[in-house]
Amino acid sequence: MSENQRKILEMLANKEISVDEAHRLLSALEPEGRTPGGTPGAETAARTKGKYLRIKVAPGPEHEHDEDAELINVRVPMSLIRSGLKFTSVLPVRPEVRDRINEVPREKGINLDAHNLKSEDLEEIIEAMSELEVNVVSGKEMVKVFVE
């Protein structure tokens, strides 16, 4: 039993987390297709760093007491992002559309071919996202984007 598995079970025993949360955490430690008794690799380390992409929008300091102010709180599982990125590599896309899709990341200095995305490329993207944190505060609203 790994140290991480032991910690999760201890948290469950101490009622710090629910059974469902413990199951999700233990599942996250196991990479897809891992054989029992296999050694966890880089994929496991990447998966445990961030489980969700969070996007929060709240009223800014000047509008926090407005009754019509909206609160937005989105939590996207990283597994959904992984699946979506994998899915893009199998979509039949016209060449001019594929070129435009690949052009956008290149403009930001990222050399990525979305149609030929490999597992290691995908994990590199997820790893980079784990460092992501965006905070914008204006009088009207506060926006936070981060990985947790």
C-alpha atoms as a PDB file:
ATOM      1  CA  MET A   1       0.000   0.000   0.000  1.00  0.00           C
ATOM      2  CA  SER A   2       1.380   3.416  -0.949  1.00  0.00           C
ATOM      3  CA  GLU A   3       1.752   6.300   1.472  1.00  0.00           C
ATOM      4  CA  ASN A   4      -0.971   8.266  -0.378  1.00  0.00           C
ATOM      5  CA  GLN A   5      -3.414   5.362  -0.124  1.00  0.00           C
ATOM      6  CA  ARG A   6      -2.666   5.050   3.601  1.00  0.00           C
ATOM      7  CA  LYS A   7      -3.302   8.794   4.127  1.00  0.00           C
ATOM      8  CA  ILE A   8      -6.628   8.609   2.284  1.00  0.00           C
ATOM      9  CA  LEU A   9      -7.751   5.653   4.399  1.00  0.00           C
ATOM     10  CA  GLU A  10      -6.691   7.451   7.584  1.00  0.00           C
ATOM     11  CA  MET A  11      -8.716  10.513   6.534  1.00  0.00           C
ATOM     12  CA  LEU A  12     -11.702   8.225   5.929  1.00  0.00           C
ATOM     13  CA  ALA A  13     -11.254   6.521   9.318  1.00  0.00           C
ATOM     14  CA  ASN A  14     -11.080   9.946  11.025  1.00  0.00           C
ATOM     15  CA  LYS A  15     -14.270  10.969   9.156  1.00  0.00           C
ATOM     16  CA  GLU A  16     -12.446  13.844   7.483  1.00  0.00           C
ATOM     17  CA  ILE A  17     -13.739  12.688   4.073  1.00  0.00           C
ATOM     18  CA  SER A  18     -16.718  10.646   2.890  1.00  0.00           C
ATOM     19  CA  VAL A  19     -16.557   7.163   1.384  1.00  0.00           C
ATOM     20  CA  ASP A  20     -17.274   8.635  -2.069  1.00  0.00           C
ATOM     21  CA  GLU A  21     -14.450  11.164  -1.700  1.00  0.00           C
ATOM     22  CA  ALA A  22     -12.077   8.408  -0.576  1.00  0.00           C
ATOM     23  CA  HIS A  23     -13.070   6.300  -3.579  1.00  0.00           C
ATOM     24  CA  ARG A  24     -12.479   9.214  -5.975  1.00  0.00           C
ATOM     25  CA  LEU A  25      -9.095   9.944  -4.409  1.00  0.00           C
ATOM     26  CA  LEU A  26      -8.022   6.297  -4.549  1.00  0.00           C
ATOM     27  CA  SER A  27      -9.208   6.059  -8.162  1.00  0.00           C
ATOM     28  CA  ALA A  28      -7.217   9.162  -9.051  1.00  0.00           C
ATOM     29  CA  LEU A  29      -4.074   7.434  -7.786  1.00  0.00           C
ATOM     30  CA  GLU A  30      -4.539   4.598 -10.294  1.00  0.00           C
ATOM     31  CA  PRO A  31      -3.641   5.554 -13.886  1.00  0.00           C
ATOM     32  CA  GLU A  32      -5.908   4.211 -16.637  1.00  0.00           C
ATOM     33  CA  GLY A  33      -4.939   0.734 -17.731  1.00  0.00           C
ATOM     34  CA  ARG A  34      -2.567   0.146 -14.812  1.00  0.00           C
ATOM     35  CA  THR A  35      -2.100  -3.496 -14.017  1.00  0.00           C
ATOM     36  CA  PRO A  36      -2.404  -4.564 -10.382  1.00  0.00           C
ATOM     37  CA  GLY A  37       0.957  -4.424  -8.686  1.00  0.00           C
ATOM     38  CA  GLY A  38       2.319  -2.083 -11.346  1.00  0.00           C
ATOM     39  CA  THR A  39       4.426   0.922 -10.489  1.00  0.00           C
ATOM     40  CA  PRO A  40       2.709   4.299 -10.703  1.00  0.00           C
ATOM     41  CA  GLY A  41       4.305   6.568 -13.248  1.00  0.00           C
ATOM     42  CA  ALA A  42       4.330  10.233 -14.159  1.00  0.00           C
ATOM     43  CA  GLU A  43       0.662  10.030 -15.114  1.00  0.00           C
ATOM     44  CA  THR A  44      -0.308   9.360 -11.492  1.00  0.00           C
ATOM     45  CA  ALA A  45       1.732  12.302 -10.262  1.00  0.00           C
ATOM     46  CA  ALA A  46       0.079  14.604 -12.817  1.00  0.00           C
ATOM     47  CA  ARG A  47      -3.406  13.388 -11.903  1.00  0.00           C
ATOM     48  CA  THR A  48      -3.011  14.048  -8.193  1.00  0.00           C
ATOM     49  CA  LYS A  49      -1.853  17.658  -8.632  1.00  0.00           C
ATOM     50  CA  GLY A  50      -5.150  19.114  -9.767  1.00  0.00           C
ATOM     51  CA  LYS A  51      -8.546  17.508  -9.942  1.00  0.00           C
ATOM     52  CA  TYR A  52     -10.681  20.471 -11.003  1.00  0.00           C
ATOM     53  CA  LEU A  53     -10.477  23.626 -13.082  1.00  0.00           C
ATOM     54  CA  ARG A  54     -12.391  26.289 -11.133  1.00  0.00           C
ATOM     55  CA  ILE A  55     -13.903  29.454 -12.567  1.00  0.00           C
ATOM     56  CA  LYS A  56     -15.475  31.872 -10.091  1.00  0.00           C
ATOM     57  CA  VAL A  57     -17.108  35.202 -10.841  1.00  0.00           C
ATOM     58  CA  ALA A  58     -18.423  37.275  -7.955  1.00  0.00           C
ATOM     59  CA  PRO A  59     -19.591  40.855  -7.587  1.00  0.00           C
ATOM     60  CA  GLY A  60     -16.738  43.314  -7.149  1.00  0.00           C
ATOM     61  CA  PRO A  61     -16.287  45.617  -4.161  1.00  0.00           C
ATOM     62  CA  GLU A  62     -18.574  48.287  -5.604  1.00  0.00           C
ATOM     63  CA  HIS A  63     -21.415  45.832  -6.358  1.00  0.00           C
ATOM     64  CA  GLU A  64     -21.259  43.159  -3.641  1.00  0.00           C
ATOM     65  CA  HIS A  65     -24.547  44.349  -2.081  1.00  0.00           C
ATOM     66  CA  ASP A  66     -26.498  44.599  -5.365  1.00  0.00           C
ATOM     67  CA  GLU A  67     -29.486  42.240  -5.299  1.00  0.00           C
ATOM     68  CA  ASP A  68     -29.210  41.532  -9.029  1.00  0.00           C
ATOM     69  CA  ALA A  69     -25.463  40.761  -8.890  1.00  0.00           C
ATOM     70  CA  GLU A  70     -24.679  37.270 -10.159  1.00  0.00           C
ATOM     71  CA  LEU A  71     -22.400  34.689  -8.611  1.00  0.00           C
ATOM     72  CA  ILE A  72     -20.875  32.106 -10.936  1.00  0.00           C
ATOM     73  CA  ASN A  73     -18.999  29.101  -9.592  1.00  0.00           C
ATOM     74  CA  VAL A  74     -17.942  26.459 -12.143  1.00  0.00           C
ATOM     75  CA  ARG A  75     -15.917  23.361 -11.277  1.00  0.00           C
ATOM     76  CA  VAL A  76     -14.802  21.282 -14.263  1.00  0.00           C
ATOM     77  CA  PRO A  77     -13.201  17.893 -13.527  1.00  0.00           C
ATOM     78  CA  MET A  78      -9.752  17.551 -15.075  1.00  0.00           C
ATOM     79  CA  SER A  79     -10.840  14.089 -16.265  1.00  0.00           C
ATOM     80  CA  LEU A  80     -13.451  15.825 -18.446  1.00  0.00           C
ATOM     81  CA  ILE A  81     -10.774  18.104 -19.873  1.00  0.00           C
ATOM     82  CA  ARG A  82      -8.582  15.038 -20.567  1.00  0.00           C
ATOM     83  CA  SER A  83     -11.476  13.305 -22.328  1.00  0.00           C
ATOM     84  CA  GLY A  84     -12.278  16.407 -24.355  1.00  0.00           C
ATOM     85  CA  LEU A  85      -8.693  16.797 -25.479  1.00  0.00           C
ATOM     86  CA  LYS A  86      -8.529  13.111 -26.439  1.00  0.00           C
ATOM     87  CA  PHE A  87     -11.817  13.463 -28.301  1.00  0.00           C
ATOM     88  CA  THR A  88     -10.473  16.329 -30.441  1.00  0.00           C
ATOM     89  CA  SER A  89      -7.818  14.029 -31.879  1.00  0.00           C
ATOM     90  CA  VAL A  90     -10.447  11.706 -33.405  1.00  0.00           C
ATOM     91  CA  LEU A  91     -12.857  14.299 -34.793  1.00  0.00           C
ATOM     92  CA  PRO A  92     -12.989  14.501 -38.582  1.00  0.00           C
ATOM     93  CA  VAL A  93     -12.222  18.168 -39.226  1.00  0.00           C
ATOM     94  CA  ARG A  94     -11.679  20.008 -42.508  1.00  0.00           C
ATOM     95  CA  PRO A  95      -7.979  20.929 -42.986  1.00  0.00           C
ATOM     96  CA  GLU A  96      -8.637  24.694 -42.894  1.00  0.00           C
ATOM     97  CA  VAL A  97     -10.521  24.352 -39.598  1.00  0.00           C
ATOM     98  CA  ARG A  98      -7.767  22.145 -38.139  1.00  0.00           C
ATOM     99  CA  ASP A  99      -5.172  24.747 -39.183  1.00  0.00           C
ATOM    100  CA  ARG A 100      -7.124  27.509 -37.420  1.00  0.00           C
ATOM    101  CA  ILE A 101      -7.518  25.379 -34.261  1.00  0.00           C
ATOM    102  CA  ASN A 102      -3.748  24.822 -34.178  1.00  0.00           C
ATOM    103  CA  GLU A 103      -2.999  28.464 -35.025  1.00  0.00           C
ATOM    104  CA  VAL A 104      -4.516  29.846 -31.814  1.00  0.00           C
ATOM    105  CA  PRO A 105      -2.095  28.073 -29.418  1.00  0.00           C
ATOM    106  CA  ARG A 106       0.832  28.872 -31.757  1.00  0.00           C
ATOM    107  CA  GLU A 107       0.027  32.575 -31.413  1.00  0.00           C
ATOM    108  CA  LYS A 108       0.618  32.093 -27.673  1.00  0.00           C
ATOM    109  CA  GLY A 109       3.909  30.247 -28.214  1.00  0.00           C
ATOM    110  CA  ILE A 110       2.490  26.730 -27.825  1.00  0.00           C
ATOM    111  CA  ASN A 111       3.340  24.294 -30.606  1.00  0.00           C
ATOM    112  CA  LEU A 112       0.377  21.925 -30.482  1.00  0.00           C
ATOM    113  CA  ASP A 113      -1.308  19.795 -33.132  1.00  0.00           C
ATOM    114  CA  ALA A 114      -4.753  19.115 -31.660  1.00  0.00           C
ATOM    115  CA  HIS A 115      -5.505  16.423 -34.247  1.00  0.00           C
ATOM    116  CA  ASN A 116      -2.378  14.395 -33.422  1.00  0.00           C
ATOM    117  CA  LEU A 117      -2.471  14.806 -29.655  1.00  0.00           C
ATOM    118  CA  LYS A 118      -0.559  12.083 -27.809  1.00  0.00           C
ATOM    119  CA  SER A 119      -0.984  10.975 -24.205  1.00  0.00           C
ATOM    120  CA  GLU A 120       2.297  12.590 -23.120  1.00  0.00           C
ATOM    121  CA  ASP A 121       1.261  15.869 -24.794  1.00  0.00           C
ATOM    122  CA  LEU A 122      -2.036  15.725 -22.962  1.00  0.00           C
ATOM    123  CA  GLU A 123      -0.370  15.240 -19.583  1.00  0.00           C
ATOM    124  CA  GLU A 124       2.000  18.129 -20.337  1.00  0.00           C
ATOM    125  CA  ILE A 125      -1.006  20.384 -20.956  1.00  0.00           C
ATOM    126  CA  ILE A 126      -2.693  19.220 -17.744  1.00  0.00           C
ATOM    127  CA  GLU A 127       0.562  19.760 -15.826  1.00  0.00           C
ATOM    128  CA  ALA A 128       0.843  23.301 -17.207  1.00  0.00           C
ATOM    129  CA  MET A 129      -2.762  23.988 -16.207  1.00  0.00           C
ATOM    130  CA  SER A 130      -2.005  22.953 -12.623  1.00  0.00           C
ATOM    131  CA  GLU A 131       0.149  26.088 -12.360  1.00  0.00           C
ATOM    132  CA  LEU A 132      -2.645  28.290 -13.745  1.00  0.00           C
ATOM    133  CA  GLU A 133      -4.071  31.046 -11.571  1.00  0.00           C
ATOM    134  CA  VAL A 134      -5.885  34.090 -12.889  1.00  0.00           C
ATOM    135  CA  ASN A 135      -7.288  36.794 -10.603  1.00  0.00           C
ATOM    136  CA  VAL A 136      -9.055  39.842 -11.994  1.00  0.00           C
ATOM    137  CA  VAL A 137     -10.677  42.410  -9.716  1.00  0.00           C
ATOM    138  CA  SER A 138     -12.569  45.416 -10.997  1.00  0.00           C
ATOM    139  CA  GLY A 139     -15.195  47.546  -9.310  1.00  0.00           C
ATOM    140  CA  LYS A 140     -17.910  45.570 -11.057  1.00  0.00           C
ATOM    141  CA  GLU A 141     -16.717  41.962 -10.639  1.00  0.00           C
ATOM    142  CA  MET A 142     -14.013  39.619  -9.396  1.00  0.00           C
ATOM    143  CA  VAL A 143     -12.927  36.709 -11.597  1.00  0.00           C
ATOM    144  CA  LYS A 144     -10.753  33.805 -10.473  1.00  0.00           C
ATOM    145  CA  VAL A 145      -9.602  30.885 -12.636  1.00  0.00           C
ATOM    146  CA  PHE A 146      -7.453  28.222 -10.976  1.00  0.00           C
ATOM    147  CA  VAL A 147      -6.816  24.498 -10.614  1.00  0.00           C
ATOM    148  CA  GLU A 148      -7.508  22.740  -7.323  1.00  0.00           C
END
